[in-house]
Amino acid sequence: MTETEKAYIAGIVDGEGSIMLTRFHKNEYPSPCVSISSTDMELLEWIKNTTKMGRIINKKNYNKEKHLNSYTYRVIYDDALKLLEEIETYLVIEKKKLRARHILDNYKKVTPRNGKYSEELEQKKEQFYADFMAL
């Protein structure tokens, strides 16, 4: 990605996106997720093609007479970390910048590769989530 593309995507995340920790499976801790919701499929496809990661999900439209179809571009796990690393310096909204920095600085430190948590690491992981939610 060029620096201009990174800055543009950061602007879209600032305006229409979310930086979250989301639980994707019942028995696992929440993981990094960056998502952007929009009715503009062309924009989301451009982001997906530019970043070369993530997927676009169709949202259910219950009232087609009043609402446009909506889509969500979503990047999860390590790809979310890679995307945050690329765009973090261009984020302007303070809360999103703090969330991105917190995930980048701490997520890998409190997440073992084998998924096995010691009691100490589990406490650190819980504190990581508490700190994230306080941002």
C-alpha atoms as a PDB file:
ATOM      1  CA  MET A   1       0.000   0.000   0.000  1.00  0.00           C
ATOM      2  CA  THR A   2       1.151   3.501  -0.687  1.00  0.00           C
ATOM      3  CA  GLU A   3       1.246   6.051   2.114  1.00  0.00           C
ATOM      4  CA  THR A   4      -1.690   7.859   0.491  1.00  0.00           C
ATOM      5  CA  GLU A   5      -3.747   4.633   0.440  1.00  0.00           C
ATOM      6  CA  LYS A   6      -2.889   3.963   4.098  1.00  0.00           C
ATOM      7  CA  ALA A   7      -3.978   7.476   5.049  1.00  0.00           C
ATOM      8  CA  TYR A   8      -7.205   7.180   3.047  1.00  0.00           C
ATOM      9  CA  ILE A   9      -8.109   3.845   4.640  1.00  0.00           C
ATOM     10  CA  ALA A  10      -7.315   5.282   8.087  1.00  0.00           C
ATOM     11  CA  GLY A  11      -9.718   8.136   7.320  1.00  0.00           C
ATOM     12  CA  ILE A  12     -12.450   5.688   6.412  1.00  0.00           C
ATOM     13  CA  VAL A  13     -11.807   3.700   9.614  1.00  0.00           C
ATOM     14  CA  ASP A  14     -11.922   6.971  11.586  1.00  0.00           C
ATOM     15  CA  GLY A  15     -15.250   7.928  10.022  1.00  0.00           C
ATOM     16  CA  GLU A  16     -17.118   4.696   9.325  1.00  0.00           C
ATOM     17  CA  GLY A  17     -15.067   1.944  10.934  1.00  0.00           C
ATOM     18  CA  SER A  18     -14.542   0.174  14.221  1.00  0.00           C
ATOM     19  CA  ILE A  19     -11.465  -1.148  15.989  1.00  0.00           C
ATOM     20  CA  MET A  20     -12.630  -3.881  18.330  1.00  0.00           C
ATOM     21  CA  LEU A  21     -11.835  -7.041  20.201  1.00  0.00           C
ATOM     22  CA  THR A  22     -14.480  -9.564  19.145  1.00  0.00           C
ATOM     23  CA  ARG A  23     -15.186 -13.147  20.172  1.00  0.00           C
ATOM     24  CA  PHE A  24     -15.421 -15.256  16.996  1.00  0.00           C
ATOM     25  CA  HIS A  25     -15.757 -18.633  18.710  1.00  0.00           C
ATOM     26  CA  LYS A  26     -17.542 -19.558  21.906  1.00  0.00           C
ATOM     27  CA  ASN A  27     -14.544 -20.892  23.834  1.00  0.00           C
ATOM     28  CA  GLU A  28     -11.894 -18.349  22.922  1.00  0.00           C
ATOM     29  CA  TYR A  29     -10.906 -14.884  24.036  1.00  0.00           C
ATOM     30  CA  PRO A  30     -11.920 -11.888  21.905  1.00  0.00           C
ATOM     31  CA  SER A  31      -9.518 -11.172  19.046  1.00  0.00           C
ATOM     32  CA  PRO A  32      -8.590  -8.038  17.082  1.00  0.00           C
ATOM     33  CA  CYS A  33     -11.072  -6.946  14.444  1.00  0.00           C
ATOM     34  CA  VAL A  34     -11.218  -3.929  12.157  1.00  0.00           C
ATOM     35  CA  SER A  35     -14.506  -3.413  10.348  1.00  0.00           C
ATOM     36  CA  ILE A  36     -16.035  -0.828   8.029  1.00  0.00           C
ATOM     37  CA  SER A  37     -19.744  -0.810   7.236  1.00  0.00           C
ATOM     38  CA  SER A  38     -21.076   0.912   4.145  1.00  0.00           C
ATOM     39  CA  THR A  39     -23.721   0.820   1.443  1.00  0.00           C
ATOM     40  CA  ASP A  40     -20.962   1.481  -1.112  1.00  0.00           C
ATOM     41  CA  MET A  41     -19.708  -1.911  -2.288  1.00  0.00           C
ATOM     42  CA  GLU A  42     -17.193  -0.278  -4.661  1.00  0.00           C
ATOM     43  CA  LEU A  43     -15.434   1.421  -1.725  1.00  0.00           C
ATOM     44  CA  LEU A  44     -15.236  -1.798   0.298  1.00  0.00           C
ATOM     45  CA  GLU A  45     -13.962  -3.777  -2.700  1.00  0.00           C
ATOM     46  CA  TRP A  46     -11.283  -1.130  -3.272  1.00  0.00           C
ATOM     47  CA  ILE A  47     -10.174  -1.418   0.377  1.00  0.00           C
ATOM     48  CA  LYS A  48     -10.121  -5.226   0.180  1.00  0.00           C
ATOM     49  CA  ASN A  49      -8.118  -5.175  -3.059  1.00  0.00           C
ATOM     50  CA  THR A  50      -5.720  -2.530  -1.754  1.00  0.00           C
ATOM     51  CA  THR A  51      -5.034  -4.242   1.571  1.00  0.00           C
ATOM     52  CA  LYS A  52      -5.117  -7.761   0.057  1.00  0.00           C
ATOM     53  CA  MET A  53      -6.822  -9.038   3.210  1.00  0.00           C
ATOM     54  CA  GLY A  54     -10.210  -9.333   4.846  1.00  0.00           C
ATOM     55  CA  ARG A  55     -13.631 -10.170   3.500  1.00  0.00           C
ATOM     56  CA  ILE A  56     -16.855  -8.394   2.648  1.00  0.00           C
ATOM     57  CA  ILE A  57     -20.045  -9.607   4.307  1.00  0.00           C
ATOM     58  CA  ASN A  58     -23.581  -8.846   3.121  1.00  0.00           C
ATOM     59  CA  LYS A  59     -25.830  -7.458   5.834  1.00  0.00           C
ATOM     60  CA  LYS A  60     -29.453  -8.590   5.962  1.00  0.00           C
ATOM     61  CA  ASN A  61     -31.818  -5.903   4.657  1.00  0.00           C
ATOM     62  CA  TYR A  62     -35.213  -6.360   6.293  1.00  0.00           C
ATOM     63  CA  ASN A  63     -36.853  -3.387   4.583  1.00  0.00           C
ATOM     64  CA  LYS A  64     -35.681  -3.067   0.982  1.00  0.00           C
ATOM     65  CA  GLU A  65     -38.272  -0.376   0.262  1.00  0.00           C
ATOM     66  CA  LYS A  66     -36.697   2.066   2.741  1.00  0.00           C
ATOM     67  CA  HIS A  67     -33.058   0.964   3.054  1.00  0.00           C
ATOM     68  CA  LEU A  68     -30.151   0.348   0.720  1.00  0.00           C
ATOM     69  CA  ASN A  69     -28.237  -2.907   0.909  1.00  0.00           C
ATOM     70  CA  SER A  70     -25.404  -2.698   3.412  1.00  0.00           C
ATOM     71  CA  TYR A  71     -22.047  -4.463   3.562  1.00  0.00           C
ATOM     72  CA  THR A  72     -19.245  -4.852   6.080  1.00  0.00           C
ATOM     73  CA  TYR A  73     -15.551  -5.191   5.295  1.00  0.00           C
ATOM     74  CA  ARG A  74     -13.948  -7.133   8.138  1.00  0.00           C
ATOM     75  CA  VAL A  75     -10.327  -8.009   8.928  1.00  0.00           C
ATOM     76  CA  ILE A  76      -9.620 -10.290  11.890  1.00  0.00           C
ATOM     77  CA  TYR A  77      -6.801 -11.924  13.875  1.00  0.00           C
ATOM     78  CA  ASP A  78      -3.242 -11.337  12.591  1.00  0.00           C
ATOM     79  CA  ASP A  79      -4.474  -9.550   9.447  1.00  0.00           C
ATOM     80  CA  ALA A  80      -6.194  -6.994  11.707  1.00  0.00           C
ATOM     81  CA  LEU A  81      -2.879  -6.469  13.488  1.00  0.00           C
ATOM     82  CA  LYS A  82      -1.108  -5.988  10.143  1.00  0.00           C
ATOM     83  CA  LEU A  83      -3.720  -3.479   8.975  1.00  0.00           C
ATOM     84  CA  LEU A  84      -3.565  -1.554  12.255  1.00  0.00           C
ATOM     85  CA  GLU A  85       0.232  -1.438  11.990  1.00  0.00           C
ATOM     86  CA  GLU A  86      -0.102   0.093   8.509  1.00  0.00           C
ATOM     87  CA  ILE A  87      -2.745   2.742   9.305  1.00  0.00           C
ATOM     88  CA  GLU A  88      -2.257   3.574  13.004  1.00  0.00           C
ATOM     89  CA  THR A  89      -0.064   6.624  12.422  1.00  0.00           C
ATOM     90  CA  TYR A  90      -2.743   8.137  10.145  1.00  0.00           C
ATOM     91  CA  LEU A  91      -5.677   7.697  12.533  1.00  0.00           C
ATOM     92  CA  VAL A  92      -7.004  11.044  13.772  1.00  0.00           C
ATOM     93  CA  ILE A  93      -9.823  10.105  16.156  1.00  0.00           C
ATOM     94  CA  GLU A  94      -8.118   9.809  19.536  1.00  0.00           C
ATOM     95  CA  LYS A  95     -10.190   6.875  20.823  1.00  0.00           C
ATOM     96  CA  LYS A  96      -9.484   4.807  17.713  1.00  0.00           C
ATOM     97  CA  LYS A  97      -5.792   5.719  17.784  1.00  0.00           C
ATOM     98  CA  LEU A  98      -5.599   4.659  21.467  1.00  0.00           C
ATOM     99  CA  ARG A  99      -7.421   1.394  20.767  1.00  0.00           C
ATOM    100  CA  ALA A 100      -5.143   0.582  17.832  1.00  0.00           C
ATOM    101  CA  ARG A 101      -2.004   1.388  19.842  1.00  0.00           C
ATOM    102  CA  HIS A 102      -3.216  -0.671  22.829  1.00  0.00           C
ATOM    103  CA  ILE A 103      -3.859  -3.711  20.629  1.00  0.00           C
ATOM    104  CA  LEU A 104      -0.538  -3.346  18.791  1.00  0.00           C
ATOM    105  CA  ASP A 105       1.476  -2.868  21.973  1.00  0.00           C
ATOM    106  CA  ASN A 106      -0.140  -5.543  24.132  1.00  0.00           C
ATOM    107  CA  TYR A 107      -2.168  -8.186  22.296  1.00  0.00           C
ATOM    108  CA  LYS A 108       0.734 -10.477  21.343  1.00  0.00           C
ATOM    109  CA  LYS A 109       2.282 -10.140  24.819  1.00  0.00           C
ATOM    110  CA  VAL A 110      -0.815 -11.616  26.478  1.00  0.00           C
ATOM    111  CA  THR A 111      -1.685 -14.197  23.804  1.00  0.00           C
ATOM    112  CA  PRO A 112       0.354 -17.425  23.773  1.00  0.00           C
ATOM    113  CA  ARG A 113       0.855 -19.062  20.372  1.00  0.00           C
ATOM    114  CA  ASN A 114      -0.286 -22.446  21.661  1.00  0.00           C
ATOM    115  CA  GLY A 115      -3.433 -21.015  23.274  1.00  0.00           C
ATOM    116  CA  LYS A 116      -2.525 -22.390  26.707  1.00  0.00           C
ATOM    117  CA  TYR A 117      -2.765 -19.794  29.460  1.00  0.00           C
ATOM    118  CA  SER A 118      -0.988 -19.911  32.798  1.00  0.00           C
ATOM    119  CA  GLU A 119      -2.870 -18.336  35.673  1.00  0.00           C
ATOM    120  CA  GLU A 120      -0.579 -15.293  35.530  1.00  0.00           C
ATOM    121  CA  LEU A 121      -0.997 -14.851  31.774  1.00  0.00           C
ATOM    122  CA  GLU A 122      -4.751 -15.263  32.072  1.00  0.00           C
ATOM    123  CA  GLN A 123      -4.841 -12.440  34.626  1.00  0.00           C
ATOM    124  CA  LYS A 124      -2.761 -10.250  32.305  1.00  0.00           C
ATOM    125  CA  LYS A 125      -5.150 -11.074  29.441  1.00  0.00           C
ATOM    126  CA  GLU A 126      -8.162 -10.083  31.557  1.00  0.00           C
ATOM    127  CA  GLN A 127      -6.436  -6.816  32.490  1.00  0.00           C
ATOM    128  CA  PHE A 128      -5.664  -6.189  28.818  1.00  0.00           C
ATOM    129  CA  TYR A 129      -9.396  -6.471  28.004  1.00  0.00           C
ATOM    130  CA  ALA A 130     -10.398  -4.310  30.955  1.00  0.00           C
ATOM    131  CA  ASP A 131      -7.906  -1.631  29.875  1.00  0.00           C
ATOM    132  CA  PHE A 132      -9.160  -1.834  26.279  1.00  0.00           C
ATOM    133  CA  MET A 133     -12.784  -1.435  27.319  1.00  0.00           C
ATOM    134  CA  ALA A 134     -11.871   1.586  29.437  1.00  0.00           C
ATOM    135  CA  LEU A 135     -10.501   3.439  26.382  1.00  0.00           C
END
